[in-house]
Amino acid sequence: MNRDRMQSRLRGCYVTVPTMFRDADMELNLPAIQRHVQFLLASGIRDGTGVLLAGGAAGDFSTMSLAERFKVAETVIGAAAGRVPVAMGAQTTNTRELVELARGAQRLGADFIQVSPPFYFGHTEEDFFEYLVAAADAAPDVGIIVYNTYWTSVGVSESLVGRLVEIPNIIGLKWATPNPVFMTFEDVIAQFSHRLAIIDNQSRFVTSHILGGRSIELHICNHWPQFGVDLWRLLEERKYAEAQREMVRVLLPYMKLWAEMERYTSGDGYLDKLCMELVGLDSSRCRPPTRDVREIFRAKARRMLLDCGTPGVAPG
C-alpha cells in the first residue's frame, strides 16, 4: 500500500451514503443505492472532491447483518467504479467480526475502512489499540480511518493518536472532541495533520482546514452535493470568511432541525433521507428501532430546504 497516495485520496467531502430499504418489507434496495452513487458522481463528488462511506452510522450499519453490509459496500464500490474513493464502515463490538469486515473490504476493493472503538462496554485505549492492530494485520492493502466515537465507548486521546500514526495502514482520523475549551480538537490537527488525513466531524471546517485538515463530514451532500463541492472549493481557495457564511446559511439550519429530531428518535441518517425524498431522489425510512420521521417532519424539512435555497425541492 502506498501510504502517501492513500492519504492524498482521502480529501474533500466525506459523504455517508444512506442505505435505502424497500418500504414494504425493509429489505435492502440495492438499485436505489446504486442510483444515488451515480447521482453523487454526476453532481461533482469525485476523486479530489470527496470520499464515499458505505454502511456507516448514517448508512444503518447497526441494523444490518454482515452479509447485508458486504452487499451494500459491493454496490457502492461497483457504482463508484474507481472514480471516487470508497470507505466501508467497519464498526462492530468484537475483534473477530472486525477482522472479517476488514478482509471483506479488501476483497471487495474498498479503499478504506472506518473503525471506531468497540461499543457497549467501556473499553480501554489499550483494548482499542490491539483491536486496530488486528484490523491492520488482516487487511494490509486497505487504509484505516480511525473514528473517534467518544460518545459510545473510550475516546481517542492525543497520546493514542501518537501511537496510531506508527501503524503503516492507519492513514486517516475522523475527528471530534467532547470538550472544546482546552483546544484538544485543534491540538491534534496541528500535531498530526502531516501524518494523517484528518476528517472534520465537528463542523469546524475553517479551523480544521487552516490547520491542515483534508476532509469534511457533510451530510448535506446527499441532497445537495453541489453545495458541498462549492464549500470545499472555498476552503481550498482560502476564502474562509465566505465559507463560514455559507456554513451558517445552510449547515446551521440543517443541524438545528437534526437536533430537534433527536428528541423524537435516535439513530442517524433520517434527516439525510427525508431531504433526499424532498428533492425527488430515491429514499426510504431508516430501519427500526429508529422511528419513521417523514410525516412528522416533512413540512419543517421542506421549509428549511427552501429557506436555504436548495435546488429541486418538490412542491408541498
Protein backbone atom coordinates (compact mmCIF):
# COMPACT_ATOMS: atom_id res chain seq x y z
CA MET A 1 0.00 0.00 0.00
CA ASN A 2 1.26 3.46 -0.93
CA ARG A 3 0.51 5.43 2.24
CA ASP A 4 1.10 8.86 0.70
CA ARG A 5 -1.20 8.12 -2.23
CA MET A 6 -3.92 6.79 0.07
CA GLN A 7 -3.73 9.89 2.24
CA SER A 8 -3.89 12.16 -0.80
CA ARG A 9 -7.15 10.47 -1.90
CA LEU A 10 -8.82 11.00 1.46
CA ARG A 11 -9.82 14.53 0.55
CA GLY A 12 -12.90 16.72 0.16
CA CYS A 13 -16.44 15.95 1.29
CA TYR A 14 -16.78 12.76 3.33
CA VAL A 15 -20.23 11.55 2.30
CA THR A 16 -22.05 8.81 4.21
CA VAL A 17 -24.17 7.06 1.59
CA PRO A 18 -27.59 6.24 3.10
CA THR A 19 -28.68 2.64 2.90
CA MET A 20 -32.07 2.52 1.19
CA PHE A 21 -34.68 -0.08 2.08
CA ARG A 22 -37.91 -1.20 0.48
CA ASP A 23 -40.73 0.33 2.48
CA ALA A 24 -42.90 -2.77 2.19
CA ASP A 25 -40.53 -5.19 3.93
CA MET A 26 -37.42 -3.17 4.98
CA GLU A 27 -35.18 -5.32 2.77
CA LEU A 28 -32.19 -3.72 1.02
CA ASN A 29 -32.93 -1.62 -2.06
CA LEU A 30 -29.59 -2.00 -3.83
CA PRO A 31 -30.68 -0.40 -7.16
CA ALA A 32 -31.66 2.76 -5.24
CA ILE A 33 -28.23 2.87 -3.58
CA GLN A 34 -26.57 2.44 -6.97
CA ARG A 35 -28.61 5.31 -8.45
CA HIS A 36 -27.70 7.52 -5.52
CA VAL A 37 -23.97 6.95 -6.02
CA GLN A 38 -24.37 7.78 -9.71
CA PHE A 39 -26.21 10.99 -8.72
CA LEU A 40 -23.36 11.99 -6.39
CA LEU A 41 -20.78 11.37 -9.10
CA ALA A 42 -22.76 13.31 -11.70
CA SER A 43 -23.02 16.21 -9.24
CA GLY A 44 -19.28 16.62 -8.70
CA ILE A 45 -18.34 14.20 -5.89
CA ARG A 46 -15.20 12.72 -7.43
CA ASP A 47 -11.63 11.80 -6.54
CA GLY A 48 -10.27 15.03 -5.08
CA THR A 49 -13.60 16.49 -4.03
CA GLY A 50 -15.00 13.63 -1.99
CA VAL A 51 -14.98 10.16 -0.48
CA LEU A 52 -18.00 7.86 -0.13
CA LEU A 53 -18.68 5.89 3.06
CA ALA A 54 -20.74 2.73 2.58
CA GLY A 55 -22.53 1.32 5.62
CA GLY A 56 -21.57 3.95 8.15
CA ALA A 57 -23.78 5.09 11.01
CA ALA A 58 -25.97 7.15 8.66
CA GLY A 59 -25.95 4.08 6.45
CA ASP A 60 -27.78 1.97 9.06
CA PHE A 61 -24.84 -0.35 9.76
CA SER A 62 -26.20 -1.15 13.23
CA THR A 63 -29.39 -2.68 11.81
CA MET A 64 -27.74 -4.82 9.12
CA SER A 65 -26.27 -8.30 9.11
CA LEU A 66 -22.67 -8.78 7.98
CA ALA A 67 -23.89 -10.21 4.69
CA GLU A 68 -26.02 -7.10 4.10
CA ARG A 69 -23.12 -4.80 4.95
CA PHE A 70 -20.97 -6.53 2.36
CA LYS A 71 -23.75 -6.24 -0.24
CA VAL A 72 -24.10 -2.51 0.39
CA ALA A 73 -20.33 -1.97 0.16
CA GLU A 74 -20.12 -4.02 -3.04
CA THR A 75 -22.94 -1.94 -4.56
CA VAL A 76 -21.29 1.38 -3.69
CA ILE A 77 -17.85 0.25 -4.86
CA GLY A 78 -19.29 -1.05 -8.12
CA ALA A 79 -21.25 2.13 -8.82
CA ALA A 80 -18.24 4.32 -7.96
CA ALA A 81 -16.13 2.36 -10.48
CA GLY A 82 -12.89 3.89 -9.23
CA ARG A 83 -13.99 7.47 -9.92
CA VAL A 84 -14.24 8.31 -6.22
CA PRO A 85 -12.62 6.56 -3.25
CA VAL A 86 -14.87 4.37 -1.10
CA ALA A 87 -14.63 3.62 2.60
CA MET A 88 -16.55 0.75 4.16
CA GLY A 89 -17.95 1.12 7.66
CA ALA A 90 -16.36 -1.48 9.93
CA GLN A 91 -17.82 -0.57 13.30
CA THR A 92 -18.52 -3.60 15.45
CA THR A 93 -18.32 -4.85 19.04
CA ASN A 94 -15.74 -7.62 18.62
CA THR A 95 -12.34 -8.21 17.06
CA ARG A 96 -13.25 -11.39 15.17
CA GLU A 97 -16.01 -9.57 13.31
CA LEU A 98 -13.74 -6.58 12.68
CA VAL A 99 -11.18 -8.88 11.06
CA GLU A 100 -13.93 -10.36 8.86
CA LEU A 101 -15.09 -6.87 7.86
CA ALA A 102 -11.54 -5.74 7.08
CA ARG A 103 -10.80 -8.80 4.94
CA GLY A 104 -14.14 -8.45 3.18
CA ALA A 105 -13.46 -4.79 2.42
CA GLN A 106 -10.07 -5.70 0.92
CA ARG A 107 -11.65 -8.47 -1.15
CA LEU A 108 -14.33 -6.10 -2.49
CA GLY A 109 -11.79 -3.41 -3.41
CA ALA A 110 -12.64 -0.76 -0.82
CA ASP A 111 -10.00 1.93 -0.46
CA PHE A 112 -10.59 2.41 3.28
CA ILE A 113 -12.40 1.02 6.28
CA GLN A 114 -13.77 3.23 9.05
CA VAL A 115 -13.13 1.79 12.51
CA SER A 116 -14.49 3.07 15.84
CA PRO A 117 -13.80 1.88 19.38
CA PRO A 118 -15.96 -1.17 20.15
CA PHE A 119 -19.10 -0.08 21.92
CA TYR A 120 -21.44 -1.23 24.74
CA PHE A 121 -18.57 -1.96 27.16
CA GLY A 122 -16.33 0.90 28.28
CA HIS A 123 -13.17 -0.42 26.68
CA THR A 124 -9.71 0.95 27.43
CA GLU A 125 -7.35 2.62 24.98
CA GLU A 126 -5.11 -0.45 25.05
CA ASP A 127 -8.11 -2.62 24.08
CA PHE A 128 -8.74 -0.30 21.13
CA PHE A 129 -5.07 -0.23 20.10
CA GLU A 130 -4.93 -4.04 19.88
CA TYR A 131 -8.28 -4.03 18.05
CA LEU A 132 -6.86 -1.68 15.39
CA VAL A 133 -3.67 -3.72 15.06
CA ALA A 134 -5.79 -6.78 14.33
CA ALA A 135 -7.63 -4.91 11.55
CA ALA A 136 -4.37 -3.56 10.12
CA ASP A 137 -2.82 -7.03 10.04
CA ALA A 138 -5.94 -8.58 8.48
CA ALA A 139 -6.14 -6.16 5.54
CA PRO A 140 -2.73 -4.57 4.85
CA ASP A 141 -3.83 -3.13 1.49
CA VAL A 142 -6.76 -1.16 2.95
CA GLY A 143 -6.34 2.25 4.55
CA ILE A 144 -7.82 2.53 8.03
CA ILE A 145 -9.74 5.62 9.15
CA VAL A 146 -9.97 5.82 12.94
CA TYR A 147 -13.28 7.36 14.02
CA ASN A 148 -13.34 8.97 17.46
CA THR A 149 -16.83 7.98 18.64
CA TYR A 150 -16.11 9.05 22.21
CA TRP A 151 -19.86 9.10 22.97
CA THR A 152 -20.18 5.30 22.65
CA SER A 153 -17.07 3.99 24.45
CA VAL A 154 -13.48 5.03 25.04
CA GLY A 155 -12.35 8.27 23.44
CA VAL A 156 -9.21 8.62 21.34
CA SER A 157 -6.61 10.67 23.20
CA GLU A 158 -3.74 12.71 21.82
CA SER A 159 -1.28 10.13 23.14
CA LEU A 160 -3.13 7.30 21.41
CA VAL A 161 -3.10 9.20 18.09
CA GLY A 162 0.66 9.48 18.52
CA ARG A 163 0.90 5.68 18.68
CA LEU A 164 -1.54 5.04 15.85
CA VAL A 165 0.45 7.04 13.31
CA GLU A 166 3.16 4.38 13.56
CA ILE A 167 0.84 1.69 12.12
CA PRO A 168 1.51 1.83 8.36
CA ASN A 169 -2.03 1.48 7.02
CA ILE A 170 -3.72 3.80 9.52
CA ILE A 171 -3.96 6.82 7.28
CA GLY A 172 -6.99 8.81 8.47
CA LEU A 173 -8.63 10.22 11.59
CA LYS A 174 -12.29 11.21 11.67
CA TRP A 175 -12.04 13.72 14.44
CA ALA A 176 -14.29 15.37 17.01
CA THR A 177 -13.77 16.01 20.71
CA PRO A 178 -16.19 16.37 23.62
CA ASN A 179 -14.62 19.43 25.25
CA PRO A 180 -13.62 22.39 23.07
CA VAL A 181 -12.45 24.54 26.00
CA PHE A 182 -8.87 23.30 26.08
CA MET A 183 -8.48 23.23 22.27
CA THR A 184 -7.94 19.46 22.08
CA PHE A 185 -9.62 19.46 18.66
CA GLU A 186 -7.13 21.99 17.30
CA ASP A 187 -4.14 20.49 19.10
CA VAL A 188 -4.45 17.07 17.48
CA ILE A 189 -4.95 18.52 13.99
CA ALA A 190 -1.97 20.85 14.38
CA GLN A 191 0.25 18.00 15.59
CA PHE A 192 -0.77 15.19 13.27
CA SER A 193 -2.19 16.62 10.03
CA HIS A 194 1.15 15.94 8.30
CA ARG A 195 0.94 12.25 9.31
CA LEU A 196 -2.81 11.57 8.97
CA ALA A 197 -5.58 12.71 6.67
CA ILE A 198 -7.93 14.31 9.20
CA ILE A 199 -11.69 14.43 8.56
CA ASP A 200 -13.51 17.18 10.46
CA ASN A 201 -16.53 15.62 12.18
CA GLN A 202 -17.20 18.69 14.32
CA SER A 203 -18.34 21.21 11.68
CA ARG A 204 -15.35 23.47 12.41
CA PHE A 205 -14.31 23.34 8.80
CA VAL A 206 -12.50 26.66 8.57
CA THR A 207 -10.38 25.98 11.64
CA SER A 208 -9.54 22.42 10.66
CA HIS A 209 -8.66 23.39 7.08
CA ILE A 210 -6.35 26.18 8.25
CA LEU A 211 -4.56 23.67 10.48
CA GLY A 212 -4.16 21.07 7.71
CA GLY A 213 -7.36 19.01 7.80
CA ARG A 214 -8.09 17.33 4.48
CA SER A 215 -11.77 16.41 4.58
CA ILE A 216 -15.15 17.48 5.97
CA GLU A 217 -18.08 15.33 7.09
CA LEU A 218 -21.08 16.89 5.32
CA HIS A 219 -24.48 15.17 5.30
CA ILE A 220 -25.92 17.93 3.10
CA CYS A 221 -24.04 16.41 0.16
CA ASN A 222 -26.64 13.63 -0.01
CA HIS A 223 -29.38 16.01 -1.17
CA TRP A 224 -27.25 18.92 -2.44
CA PRO A 225 -23.79 17.68 -3.45
CA GLN A 226 -23.02 20.85 -5.41
CA PHE A 227 -23.15 22.80 -2.14
CA GLY A 228 -20.51 20.52 -0.65
CA VAL A 229 -18.25 20.75 -3.70
CA ASP A 230 -18.55 24.54 -3.71
CA LEU A 231 -17.87 24.76 0.04
CA TRP A 232 -14.77 22.58 -0.37
CA ARG A 233 -13.60 24.84 -3.22
CA LEU A 234 -13.96 27.91 -0.97
CA LEU A 235 -11.85 26.20 1.70
CA GLU A 236 -9.20 25.17 -0.80
CA GLU A 237 -9.08 28.73 -2.15
CA ARG A 238 -8.66 30.02 1.42
CA LYS A 239 -11.85 32.05 1.15
CA TYR A 240 -12.57 31.34 4.77
CA ALA A 241 -14.96 34.18 5.57
CA GLU A 242 -17.18 33.24 2.63
CA ALA A 243 -17.04 29.54 3.60
CA GLN A 244 -18.08 30.33 7.17
CA ARG A 245 -21.00 32.45 5.99
CA GLU A 246 -22.18 29.60 3.75
CA MET A 247 -21.99 27.18 6.65
CA VAL A 248 -24.13 29.46 8.81
CA ARG A 249 -26.60 29.97 5.97
CA VAL A 250 -27.05 26.29 5.02
CA LEU A 251 -25.45 23.96 7.56
CA LEU A 252 -26.68 25.67 10.72
CA PRO A 253 -30.43 25.35 9.92
CA TYR A 254 -29.88 21.71 8.94
CA MET A 255 -28.15 20.96 12.25
CA LYS A 256 -30.85 22.76 14.25
CA LEU A 257 -33.55 20.61 12.67
CA TRP A 258 -31.47 17.48 13.28
CA ALA A 259 -31.17 18.42 16.96
CA GLU A 260 -34.96 18.79 17.15
CA MET A 261 -35.46 15.41 15.51
CA GLU A 262 -33.15 13.76 18.05
CA ARG A 263 -35.78 14.47 20.69
CA TYR A 264 -38.20 12.30 18.67
CA THR A 265 -35.97 9.35 17.72
CA SER A 266 -32.40 8.12 17.80
CA GLY A 267 -30.12 6.78 15.12
CA ASP A 268 -28.58 8.59 12.16
CA GLY A 269 -29.31 9.37 8.54
CA TYR A 270 -33.04 10.06 8.91
CA LEU A 271 -32.72 13.76 8.02
CA ASP A 272 -30.47 12.88 5.07
CA LYS A 273 -33.15 10.55 3.75
CA LEU A 274 -36.02 12.97 4.29
CA CYS A 275 -34.18 15.75 2.45
CA MET A 276 -33.35 13.35 -0.39
CA GLU A 277 -37.04 12.50 -0.72
CA LEU A 278 -37.98 16.19 -0.79
CA VAL A 279 -35.69 16.89 -3.75
CA GLY A 280 -37.01 13.90 -5.69
CA LEU A 281 -34.25 11.35 -5.05
CA ASP A 282 -34.59 7.70 -4.08
CA SER A 283 -35.06 7.40 -0.34
CA SER A 284 -36.64 5.36 2.44
CA ARG A 285 -37.11 5.35 6.17
CA CYS A 286 -34.37 4.03 8.44
CA ARG A 287 -34.79 0.57 9.87
CA PRO A 288 -36.36 0.29 13.33
CA PRO A 289 -35.78 0.94 16.16
CA THR A 290 -35.24 4.38 14.58
CA ARG A 291 -38.76 5.67 14.04
CA ASP A 292 -40.07 6.97 10.73
CA VAL A 293 -39.69 10.76 10.77
CA ARG A 294 -41.12 11.55 7.35
CA GLU A 295 -44.69 12.56 8.07
CA ILE A 296 -43.99 14.43 11.28
CA PHE A 297 -41.04 16.47 10.00
CA ARG A 298 -41.73 16.75 6.26
CA ALA A 299 -43.14 20.29 6.40
CA LYS A 300 -40.32 21.62 8.60
CA ALA A 301 -37.68 19.97 6.44
CA ARG A 302 -39.21 21.41 3.24
CA ARG A 303 -39.29 24.89 4.78
CA MET A 304 -35.64 24.57 5.86
CA LEU A 305 -34.57 23.48 2.39
CA LEU A 306 -36.46 26.30 0.68
CA ASP A 307 -35.09 28.90 3.09
CA CYS A 308 -31.55 27.72 2.31
CA GLY A 309 -32.12 27.95 -1.44
CA THR A 310 -31.84 24.20 -2.02
CA PRO A 311 -32.48 23.37 -5.68
CA GLY A 312 -35.15 20.93 -6.83
CA VAL A 313 -37.40 20.94 -3.75
CA ALA A 314 -40.69 19.27 -4.66
CA PRO A 315 -43.90 21.30 -4.17
CA GLY A 316 -45.72 20.83 -0.88
